[in-house]
Amino acid sequence: MNDFTKYLEQMMEQGTKMAASFNPALETFQMPDFSKLMPTMTAEQMEIFWGNGFNKDGLDAKTRFLVILAGQTVLGAQAEEPFKVTVRHALEAGATQQQIAQTIYQMSMLGGLPAMSKALGLATQVFAEKQEDSA
């Protein structure tokens, strides 16, 4: 074990203790549960925060989320849980699965096929979760 590994281990241990002091449930928190920390907002909330609430003649929330998905895709959808949260919000803001997929497909020209493939895989997971929830 090198110095960096020891330092990282100490940081993780300290972070776990601090999280437990803030909220005991965070002591056993696993990163795949990240999406549970940020629930999907309603379409009305998103329109206020990211839609026409700030810019009456600007982009609506749905379009803004599609643009965000495009950017996340080009970057390789590296942050998987935040990408999935954005897909959920885009759906809630009124985007269809086809519009989301088309946005991701279009980004293959800029981000490459691996980035597009990863993003489509993540979006498909969200689509499947929503289908399970509605069943």
N, C-alpha and C. Protein backbone atom coordinates (compact mmCIF):
# COMPACT_ATOMS: atom_id res chain seq x y z
N MET A 1 0.85 -1.18 0.00
CA MET A 1 0.00 0.00 0.00
C MET A 1 0.90 1.24 0.00
N ASN A 2 0.73 2.10 -1.01
CA ASN A 2 1.56 3.30 -1.07
C ASN A 2 0.92 4.44 -0.27
N ASP A 3 1.61 5.58 -0.21
CA ASP A 3 1.14 6.71 0.58
C ASP A 3 -0.20 7.24 0.07
N PHE A 4 -0.33 7.29 -1.27
CA PHE A 4 -1.58 7.80 -1.83
C PHE A 4 -2.75 6.90 -1.44
N THR A 5 -2.56 5.59 -1.53
CA THR A 5 -3.61 4.64 -1.18
C THR A 5 -4.01 4.81 0.28
N LYS A 6 -3.01 4.97 1.16
CA LYS A 6 -3.31 5.18 2.58
C LYS A 6 -4.09 6.47 2.78
N TYR A 7 -3.64 7.51 2.09
CA TYR A 7 -4.30 8.81 2.21
C TYR A 7 -5.75 8.72 1.73
N LEU A 8 -5.97 8.08 0.60
CA LEU A 8 -7.31 7.92 0.07
C LEU A 8 -8.18 7.10 1.02
N GLU A 9 -7.63 6.05 1.57
CA GLU A 9 -8.36 5.22 2.53
C GLU A 9 -8.77 6.04 3.75
N GLN A 10 -7.86 6.87 4.24
CA GLN A 10 -8.16 7.72 5.40
C GLN A 10 -9.27 8.72 5.07
N MET A 11 -9.19 9.29 3.86
CA MET A 11 -10.21 10.24 3.44
C MET A 11 -11.58 9.57 3.37
N MET A 12 -11.62 8.36 2.81
CA MET A 12 -12.89 7.64 2.71
C MET A 12 -13.44 7.31 4.09
N GLU A 13 -12.57 6.90 4.98
CA GLU A 13 -12.99 6.57 6.34
C GLU A 13 -13.53 7.81 7.05
N GLN A 14 -12.83 8.92 6.90
CA GLN A 14 -13.27 10.16 7.51
C GLN A 14 -14.59 10.62 6.91
N GLY A 15 -14.73 10.51 5.58
CA GLY A 15 -15.97 10.89 4.92
C GLY A 15 -17.15 10.05 5.38
N THR A 16 -16.92 8.75 5.59
CA THR A 16 -17.98 7.85 6.06
C THR A 16 -18.43 8.26 7.46
N LYS A 17 -17.48 8.58 8.33
CA LYS A 17 -17.83 9.02 9.69
C LYS A 17 -18.61 10.33 9.66
N MET A 18 -18.16 11.25 8.82
CA MET A 18 -18.83 12.54 8.72
C MET A 18 -20.25 12.35 8.18
N ALA A 19 -20.41 11.53 7.17
CA ALA A 19 -21.74 11.28 6.59
C ALA A 19 -22.66 10.66 7.63
N ALA A 20 -22.12 9.73 8.43
CA ALA A 20 -22.93 9.08 9.46
C ALA A 20 -23.37 10.08 10.52
N SER A 21 -22.53 11.07 10.80
CA SER A 21 -22.91 12.07 11.80
C SER A 21 -24.00 13.00 11.25
N PHE A 22 -23.99 13.27 9.94
CA PHE A 22 -25.02 14.10 9.34
C PHE A 22 -26.34 13.35 9.23
N ASN A 23 -26.24 12.11 8.78
CA ASN A 23 -27.43 11.29 8.55
C ASN A 23 -27.01 9.83 8.66
N PRO A 24 -27.40 9.13 9.72
CA PRO A 24 -26.96 7.75 9.91
C PRO A 24 -27.23 6.84 8.71
N ALA A 25 -28.27 7.12 7.94
CA ALA A 25 -28.56 6.29 6.76
C ALA A 25 -27.47 6.40 5.71
N LEU A 26 -26.71 7.49 5.71
CA LEU A 26 -25.65 7.67 4.72
C LEU A 26 -24.44 6.79 5.00
N GLU A 27 -24.35 6.24 6.20
CA GLU A 27 -23.21 5.39 6.55
C GLU A 27 -23.12 4.17 5.64
N THR A 28 -24.26 3.66 5.22
CA THR A 28 -24.27 2.48 4.36
C THR A 28 -24.66 2.82 2.92
N PHE A 29 -24.66 4.11 2.60
CA PHE A 29 -25.04 4.57 1.27
C PHE A 29 -24.08 4.02 0.22
N GLN A 30 -24.65 3.52 -0.87
CA GLN A 30 -23.87 3.02 -2.00
C GLN A 30 -24.11 3.94 -3.19
N MET A 31 -23.08 4.22 -3.97
CA MET A 31 -23.20 5.16 -5.08
C MET A 31 -24.32 4.80 -6.06
N PRO A 32 -24.60 3.54 -6.36
CA PRO A 32 -25.71 3.28 -7.28
C PRO A 32 -27.05 3.83 -6.80
N ASP A 33 -27.15 4.16 -5.51
CA ASP A 33 -28.38 4.72 -4.96
C ASP A 33 -28.45 6.24 -5.13
N PHE A 34 -27.50 6.81 -5.85
CA PHE A 34 -27.42 8.26 -6.03
C PHE A 34 -28.73 8.86 -6.51
N SER A 35 -29.40 8.18 -7.41
CA SER A 35 -30.63 8.72 -7.98
C SER A 35 -31.71 8.92 -6.91
N LYS A 36 -31.65 8.17 -5.82
CA LYS A 36 -32.63 8.32 -4.76
C LYS A 36 -32.44 9.63 -3.99
N LEU A 37 -31.24 10.21 -4.08
CA LEU A 37 -30.99 11.48 -3.41
C LEU A 37 -31.60 12.65 -4.16
N MET A 38 -31.85 12.47 -5.44
CA MET A 38 -32.36 13.55 -6.27
C MET A 38 -33.60 13.08 -7.00
N PRO A 39 -34.76 13.22 -6.38
CA PRO A 39 -35.97 12.76 -7.04
C PRO A 39 -36.29 13.59 -8.27
N THR A 40 -37.07 13.02 -9.15
CA THR A 40 -37.47 13.72 -10.36
C THR A 40 -38.46 14.82 -10.00
N MET A 41 -38.17 16.02 -10.49
CA MET A 41 -39.07 17.14 -10.24
C MET A 41 -40.26 17.06 -11.18
N THR A 42 -41.30 17.75 -10.81
CA THR A 42 -42.48 17.78 -11.67
C THR A 42 -42.18 18.68 -12.88
N ALA A 43 -42.97 18.53 -13.92
CA ALA A 43 -42.81 19.36 -15.12
C ALA A 43 -42.96 20.84 -14.77
N GLU A 44 -43.87 21.14 -13.86
CA GLU A 44 -44.09 22.54 -13.47
C GLU A 44 -42.86 23.12 -12.78
N GLN A 45 -42.25 22.34 -11.88
CA GLN A 45 -41.05 22.80 -11.20
C GLN A 45 -39.92 23.05 -12.20
N MET A 46 -39.76 22.12 -13.13
CA MET A 46 -38.69 22.26 -14.12
C MET A 46 -38.92 23.46 -15.01
N GLU A 47 -40.16 23.73 -15.34
CA GLU A 47 -40.45 24.88 -16.19
C GLU A 47 -40.10 26.17 -15.45
N ILE A 48 -40.32 26.18 -14.13
CA ILE A 48 -39.96 27.36 -13.33
C ILE A 48 -38.44 27.51 -13.28
N PHE A 49 -37.73 26.41 -12.98
CA PHE A 49 -36.27 26.48 -12.80
C PHE A 49 -35.51 26.59 -14.11
N TRP A 50 -35.88 25.77 -15.11
CA TRP A 50 -35.08 25.69 -16.32
C TRP A 50 -35.84 26.02 -17.59
N GLY A 51 -37.06 26.36 -17.47
CA GLY A 51 -37.86 26.64 -18.66
C GLY A 51 -38.12 28.11 -18.82
N ASN A 52 -39.36 28.42 -19.10
CA ASN A 52 -39.73 29.79 -19.41
C ASN A 52 -39.88 30.69 -18.18
N GLY A 53 -39.66 30.16 -17.01
CA GLY A 53 -39.73 30.98 -15.80
C GLY A 53 -38.71 32.10 -15.79
N PHE A 54 -37.51 31.84 -16.28
CA PHE A 54 -36.46 32.86 -16.30
C PHE A 54 -36.37 33.59 -17.63
N ASN A 55 -36.78 32.95 -18.69
CA ASN A 55 -36.65 33.54 -20.01
C ASN A 55 -37.92 33.24 -20.79
N LYS A 56 -38.86 34.14 -20.69
CA LYS A 56 -40.20 33.90 -21.24
C LYS A 56 -40.19 33.44 -22.69
N ASP A 57 -39.30 33.99 -23.50
CA ASP A 57 -39.27 33.62 -24.91
C ASP A 57 -38.14 32.65 -25.24
N GLY A 58 -37.54 32.04 -24.21
CA GLY A 58 -36.41 31.15 -24.42
C GLY A 58 -36.83 29.69 -24.59
N LEU A 59 -35.86 28.82 -24.41
CA LEU A 59 -36.10 27.38 -24.54
C LEU A 59 -36.97 26.87 -23.41
N ASP A 60 -37.87 25.95 -23.72
CA ASP A 60 -38.65 25.32 -22.67
C ASP A 60 -37.80 24.26 -21.96
N ALA A 61 -38.29 23.75 -20.84
CA ALA A 61 -37.53 22.78 -20.04
C ALA A 61 -37.19 21.53 -20.84
N LYS A 62 -38.13 21.04 -21.63
CA LYS A 62 -37.88 19.82 -22.42
C LYS A 62 -36.68 20.02 -23.34
N THR A 63 -36.67 21.11 -24.06
CA THR A 63 -35.57 21.38 -24.99
C THR A 63 -34.25 21.54 -24.23
N ARG A 64 -34.29 22.21 -23.12
CA ARG A 64 -33.07 22.39 -22.32
C ARG A 64 -32.52 21.03 -21.87
N PHE A 65 -33.40 20.13 -21.45
CA PHE A 65 -32.93 18.81 -21.02
C PHE A 65 -32.38 18.00 -22.18
N LEU A 66 -32.97 18.14 -23.36
CA LEU A 66 -32.43 17.45 -24.53
C LEU A 66 -31.04 17.99 -24.87
N VAL A 67 -30.85 19.29 -24.72
CA VAL A 67 -29.54 19.89 -24.96
C VAL A 67 -28.53 19.38 -23.93
N ILE A 68 -28.95 19.29 -22.68
CA ILE A 68 -28.07 18.76 -21.62
C ILE A 68 -27.69 17.32 -21.94
N LEU A 69 -28.67 16.50 -22.36
CA LEU A 69 -28.37 15.11 -22.73
C LEU A 69 -27.38 15.05 -23.88
N ALA A 70 -27.52 15.95 -24.83
CA ALA A 70 -26.58 15.99 -25.96
C ALA A 70 -25.17 16.23 -25.45
N GLY A 71 -25.01 17.21 -24.58
CA GLY A 71 -23.69 17.50 -24.03
C GLY A 71 -23.14 16.36 -23.22
N GLN A 72 -23.97 15.75 -22.38
CA GLN A 72 -23.51 14.62 -21.58
C GLN A 72 -23.11 13.45 -22.47
N THR A 73 -23.83 13.26 -23.56
CA THR A 73 -23.51 12.17 -24.49
C THR A 73 -22.16 12.41 -25.15
N VAL A 74 -21.95 13.62 -25.65
CA VAL A 74 -20.68 13.94 -26.32
C VAL A 74 -19.50 13.72 -25.37
N LEU A 75 -19.71 13.98 -24.10
CA LEU A 75 -18.65 13.78 -23.11
C LEU A 75 -18.49 12.32 -22.72
N GLY A 76 -19.28 11.45 -23.31
CA GLY A 76 -19.14 10.01 -23.06
C GLY A 76 -20.05 9.47 -21.97
N ALA A 77 -21.03 10.26 -21.55
CA ALA A 77 -21.95 9.84 -20.47
C ALA A 77 -21.16 9.24 -19.31
N GLN A 78 -20.11 9.94 -18.93
CA GLN A 78 -19.19 9.43 -17.90
C GLN A 78 -19.84 9.32 -16.53
N ALA A 79 -20.66 10.28 -16.18
CA ALA A 79 -21.33 10.26 -14.89
C ALA A 79 -22.69 9.59 -15.09
N GLU A 80 -22.73 8.28 -14.85
CA GLU A 80 -23.91 7.49 -15.22
C GLU A 80 -25.18 7.89 -14.48
N GLU A 81 -25.11 8.03 -13.18
CA GLU A 81 -26.33 8.36 -12.43
C GLU A 81 -26.85 9.75 -12.77
N PRO A 82 -25.98 10.78 -12.84
CA PRO A 82 -26.51 12.08 -13.27
C PRO A 82 -27.10 12.04 -14.68
N PHE A 83 -26.54 11.22 -15.57
CA PHE A 83 -27.10 11.08 -16.92
C PHE A 83 -28.51 10.51 -16.81
N LYS A 84 -28.68 9.47 -16.00
CA LYS A 84 -30.01 8.86 -15.84
C LYS A 84 -31.00 9.85 -15.24
N VAL A 85 -30.54 10.66 -14.29
CA VAL A 85 -31.42 11.68 -13.69
C VAL A 85 -31.86 12.66 -14.77
N THR A 86 -30.96 13.04 -15.66
CA THR A 86 -31.31 13.95 -16.74
C THR A 86 -32.33 13.31 -17.68
N VAL A 87 -32.18 12.03 -17.97
CA VAL A 87 -33.17 11.33 -18.82
C VAL A 87 -34.53 11.35 -18.13
N ARG A 88 -34.55 11.06 -16.83
CA ARG A 88 -35.82 11.07 -16.09
C ARG A 88 -36.47 12.45 -16.16
N HIS A 89 -35.65 13.49 -15.96
CA HIS A 89 -36.19 14.85 -16.00
C HIS A 89 -36.67 15.21 -17.41
N ALA A 90 -35.95 14.79 -18.43
CA ALA A 90 -36.38 15.07 -19.80
C ALA A 90 -37.74 14.42 -20.07
N LEU A 91 -37.91 13.19 -19.62
CA LEU A 91 -39.20 12.51 -19.78
C LEU A 91 -40.31 13.26 -19.05
N GLU A 92 -40.02 13.66 -17.83
CA GLU A 92 -41.01 14.39 -17.03
C GLU A 92 -41.34 15.74 -17.66
N ALA A 93 -40.35 16.34 -18.32
CA ALA A 93 -40.57 17.65 -18.96
C ALA A 93 -41.30 17.52 -20.29
N GLY A 94 -41.60 16.28 -20.71
CA GLY A 94 -42.41 16.08 -21.91
C GLY A 94 -41.69 15.47 -23.10
N ALA A 95 -40.40 15.18 -22.96
CA ALA A 95 -39.67 14.54 -24.06
C ALA A 95 -40.13 13.09 -24.20
N THR A 96 -40.20 12.62 -25.42
CA THR A 96 -40.55 11.22 -25.65
C THR A 96 -39.27 10.38 -25.68
N GLN A 97 -39.44 9.09 -25.54
CA GLN A 97 -38.28 8.20 -25.65
C GLN A 97 -37.62 8.37 -27.01
N GLN A 98 -38.43 8.53 -28.06
CA GLN A 98 -37.89 8.70 -29.40
C GLN A 98 -37.06 9.99 -29.50
N GLN A 99 -37.54 11.08 -28.91
CA GLN A 99 -36.79 12.33 -28.95
C GLN A 99 -35.47 12.22 -28.20
N ILE A 100 -35.49 11.52 -27.07
CA ILE A 100 -34.26 11.32 -26.31
C ILE A 100 -33.28 10.48 -27.11
N ALA A 101 -33.78 9.38 -27.68
CA ALA A 101 -32.91 8.51 -28.48
C ALA A 101 -32.35 9.26 -29.69
N GLN A 102 -33.18 10.05 -30.34
CA GLN A 102 -32.73 10.80 -31.50
C GLN A 102 -31.65 11.81 -31.13
N THR A 103 -31.81 12.46 -29.99
CA THR A 103 -30.80 13.41 -29.50
C THR A 103 -29.48 12.69 -29.29
N ILE A 104 -29.54 11.51 -28.67
CA ILE A 104 -28.33 10.73 -28.41
C ILE A 104 -27.71 10.25 -29.72
N TYR A 105 -28.53 9.73 -30.64
CA TYR A 105 -28.02 9.28 -31.94
C TYR A 105 -27.28 10.40 -32.66
N GLN A 106 -27.88 11.59 -32.64
CA GLN A 106 -27.29 12.73 -33.33
C GLN A 106 -25.89 13.04 -32.80
N MET A 107 -25.67 12.80 -31.53
CA MET A 107 -24.38 13.11 -30.92
C MET A 107 -23.28 12.13 -31.31
N SER A 108 -23.64 11.03 -31.97
CA SER A 108 -22.61 10.08 -32.41
C SER A 108 -21.64 10.74 -33.38
N MET A 109 -22.12 11.75 -34.11
CA MET A 109 -21.27 12.46 -35.07
C MET A 109 -20.21 13.30 -34.35
N LEU A 110 -20.50 13.73 -33.14
CA LEU A 110 -19.57 14.58 -32.39
C LEU A 110 -18.80 13.83 -31.32
N GLY A 111 -19.49 12.91 -30.65
CA GLY A 111 -18.86 12.20 -29.54
C GLY A 111 -18.37 10.81 -29.89
N GLY A 112 -18.79 10.29 -31.04
CA GLY A 112 -18.37 8.96 -31.46
C GLY A 112 -19.38 7.89 -31.08
N LEU A 113 -19.21 6.75 -31.70
CA LEU A 113 -20.13 5.63 -31.47
C LEU A 113 -20.06 5.07 -30.05
N PRO A 114 -18.88 4.95 -29.44
CA PRO A 114 -18.86 4.44 -28.06
C PRO A 114 -19.63 5.33 -27.08
N ALA A 115 -19.50 6.64 -27.25
CA ALA A 115 -20.24 7.57 -26.38
C ALA A 115 -21.74 7.42 -26.60
N MET A 116 -22.15 7.33 -27.87
CA MET A 116 -23.56 7.17 -28.19
C MET A 116 -24.09 5.86 -27.62
N SER A 117 -23.31 4.79 -27.79
CA SER A 117 -23.74 3.48 -27.33
C SER A 117 -23.93 3.45 -25.82
N LYS A 118 -22.98 4.04 -25.11
CA LYS A 118 -23.09 4.06 -23.64
C LYS A 118 -24.32 4.88 -23.22
N ALA A 119 -24.51 6.04 -23.84
CA ALA A 119 -25.64 6.89 -23.49
C ALA A 119 -26.97 6.20 -23.79
N LEU A 120 -27.05 5.53 -24.93
CA LEU A 120 -28.29 4.81 -25.27
C LEU A 120 -28.56 3.68 -24.27
N GLY A 121 -27.49 3.01 -23.85
CA GLY A 121 -27.65 1.95 -22.85
C GLY A 121 -28.21 2.49 -21.55
N LEU A 122 -27.70 3.62 -21.11
CA LEU A 122 -28.19 4.23 -19.87
C LEU A 122 -29.63 4.71 -20.02
N ALA A 123 -29.93 5.34 -21.16
CA ALA A 123 -31.30 5.80 -21.39
C ALA A 123 -32.26 4.62 -21.43
N THR A 124 -31.85 3.53 -22.06
CA THR A 124 -32.68 2.34 -22.14
C THR A 124 -32.98 1.78 -20.75
N GLN A 125 -31.99 1.85 -19.85
CA GLN A 125 -32.22 1.40 -18.47
C GLN A 125 -33.31 2.24 -17.81
N VAL A 126 -33.27 3.55 -18.03
CA VAL A 126 -34.29 4.43 -17.45
C VAL A 126 -35.66 4.13 -18.05
N PHE A 127 -35.70 3.90 -19.37
CA PHE A 127 -36.97 3.58 -20.02
C PHE A 127 -37.55 2.29 -19.44
N ALA A 128 -36.69 1.30 -19.21
CA ALA A 128 -37.15 0.02 -18.65
C ALA A 128 -37.66 0.21 -17.21
N GLU A 129 -36.94 1.02 -16.43
CA GLU A 129 -37.38 1.28 -15.05
C GLU A 129 -38.76 1.95 -15.04
N LYS A 130 -38.96 2.93 -15.93
CA LYS A 130 -40.25 3.61 -15.99
C LYS A 130 -41.36 2.65 -16.40
N GLN A 131 -41.04 1.73 -17.32
CA GLN A 131 -42.04 0.76 -17.76
C GLN A 131 -42.38 -0.19 -16.61
N GLU A 132 -41.39 -0.61 -15.82
CA GLU A 132 -41.64 -1.46 -14.66
C GLU A 132 -42.49 -0.74 -13.63
N ASP A 133 -42.18 0.54 -13.41
CA ASP A 133 -42.92 1.32 -12.42
C ASP A 133 -44.38 1.51 -12.80
N SER A 134 -44.63 1.63 -14.11
CA SER A 134 -46.01 1.84 -14.55
C SER A 134 -46.79 0.54 -14.68
N ALA A 135 -46.09 -0.59 -14.61
CA ALA A 135 -46.77 -1.89 -14.73
C ALA A 135 -47.38 -2.34 -13.43
